[in-house]
């Protein structure tokens, strides 16, 4: 987004992109989830790892829903 010329996106598109970039739909967030919970309960790591893909899909859906709500709101 930094390399885009000024005015390339309207304010609504820019706001939706900012919210999408700040969401938890990325692999690093899933890695932090696995590492943090595995450190707290190492004996349950085999139960935690399969949930990573579900967490990624859930984060993507939440980010998309946030973008949809922002798209419906009026931009001032």
Protein backbone atom coordinates (compact mmCIF):
# COMPACT_ATOMS: atom_id res chain seq x y z
CA UNK A 1 0.00 0.00 0.00
CA UNK A 2 2.93 2.31 0.63
CA UNK A 3 4.01 2.22 -3.01
CA UNK A 4 0.57 3.18 -4.35
CA UNK A 5 0.27 6.74 -5.64
CA UNK A 6 -1.77 9.11 -3.51
CA UNK A 7 -5.45 8.90 -4.39
CA UNK A 8 -5.17 5.48 -6.08
CA UNK A 9 -7.75 4.06 -3.67
CA UNK A 10 -10.84 5.74 -2.34
CA UNK A 11 -11.05 6.16 1.46
CA UNK A 12 -13.44 3.23 1.88
CA UNK A 13 -11.11 0.81 0.05
CA UNK A 14 -8.16 2.03 2.08
CA UNK A 15 -10.06 1.51 5.34
CA UNK A 16 -11.12 -2.02 4.35
CA UNK A 17 -7.51 -2.88 3.45
CA UNK A 18 -6.21 -1.55 6.77
CA UNK A 19 -8.68 -3.69 8.72
CA UNK A 20 -7.83 -6.74 6.58
CA UNK A 21 -4.11 -6.29 7.20
CA UNK A 22 -4.66 -6.00 10.95
CA UNK A 23 -6.66 -9.23 11.17
CA UNK A 24 -5.51 -12.59 12.48
CA UNK A 25 -5.79 -14.40 9.14
CA UNK A 26 -2.10 -15.11 8.65
CA UNK A 27 0.29 -17.97 9.24
CA UNK A 28 2.36 -16.11 11.82
CA UNK A 29 -0.68 -15.72 14.08
CA UNK A 30 -1.35 -19.45 13.78
CA UNK A 31 2.30 -20.14 14.66
CA UNK A 32 2.03 -17.94 17.73
CA UNK A 33 -1.17 -19.77 18.70
CA UNK A 34 0.51 -23.18 18.40
CA UNK A 35 3.69 -22.12 20.19
CA UNK A 36 1.88 -20.34 23.03
CA UNK A 37 -0.61 -23.05 23.76
CA UNK A 38 1.97 -25.82 23.34
CA UNK A 39 4.17 -24.08 25.90
CA UNK A 40 1.28 -23.95 28.35
CA UNK A 41 0.16 -27.53 27.80
CA UNK A 42 2.89 -29.55 26.03
CA UNK A 43 1.11 -32.86 26.65
CA UNK A 44 -1.86 -31.65 24.55
CA UNK A 45 0.19 -30.51 21.54
CA UNK A 46 -1.24 -33.32 19.40
CA UNK A 47 -4.72 -31.90 19.98
CA UNK A 48 -3.67 -28.29 19.34
CA UNK A 49 -1.86 -28.64 16.00
CA UNK A 50 -4.86 -29.92 13.98
CA UNK A 51 -6.82 -26.86 15.10
CA UNK A 52 -4.36 -24.55 13.30
CA UNK A 53 -6.10 -24.80 9.92
CA UNK A 54 -9.47 -24.19 11.54
CA UNK A 55 -8.06 -21.15 13.31
CA UNK A 56 -6.70 -19.80 10.02
CA UNK A 57 -10.05 -20.26 8.29
CA UNK A 58 -11.87 -18.67 11.23
CA UNK A 59 -9.51 -15.69 11.19
CA UNK A 60 -10.04 -15.26 7.45
CA UNK A 61 -13.81 -15.33 7.87
CA UNK A 62 -13.65 -12.81 10.71
CA UNK A 63 -11.46 -10.45 8.65
CA UNK A 64 -13.82 -10.74 5.68
CA UNK A 65 -16.81 -10.02 7.90
CA UNK A 66 -15.08 -6.95 9.33
CA UNK A 67 -14.37 -5.73 5.80
CA UNK A 68 -18.00 -6.27 4.85
CA UNK A 69 -19.24 -4.29 7.83
CA UNK A 70 -16.78 -1.47 7.12
CA UNK A 71 -17.93 -1.48 3.50
CA UNK A 72 -21.54 -0.92 4.59
CA UNK A 73 -20.74 1.99 6.91
CA UNK A 74 -20.61 5.52 5.54
CA UNK A 75 -17.10 6.97 5.32
CA UNK A 76 -16.78 10.49 6.62
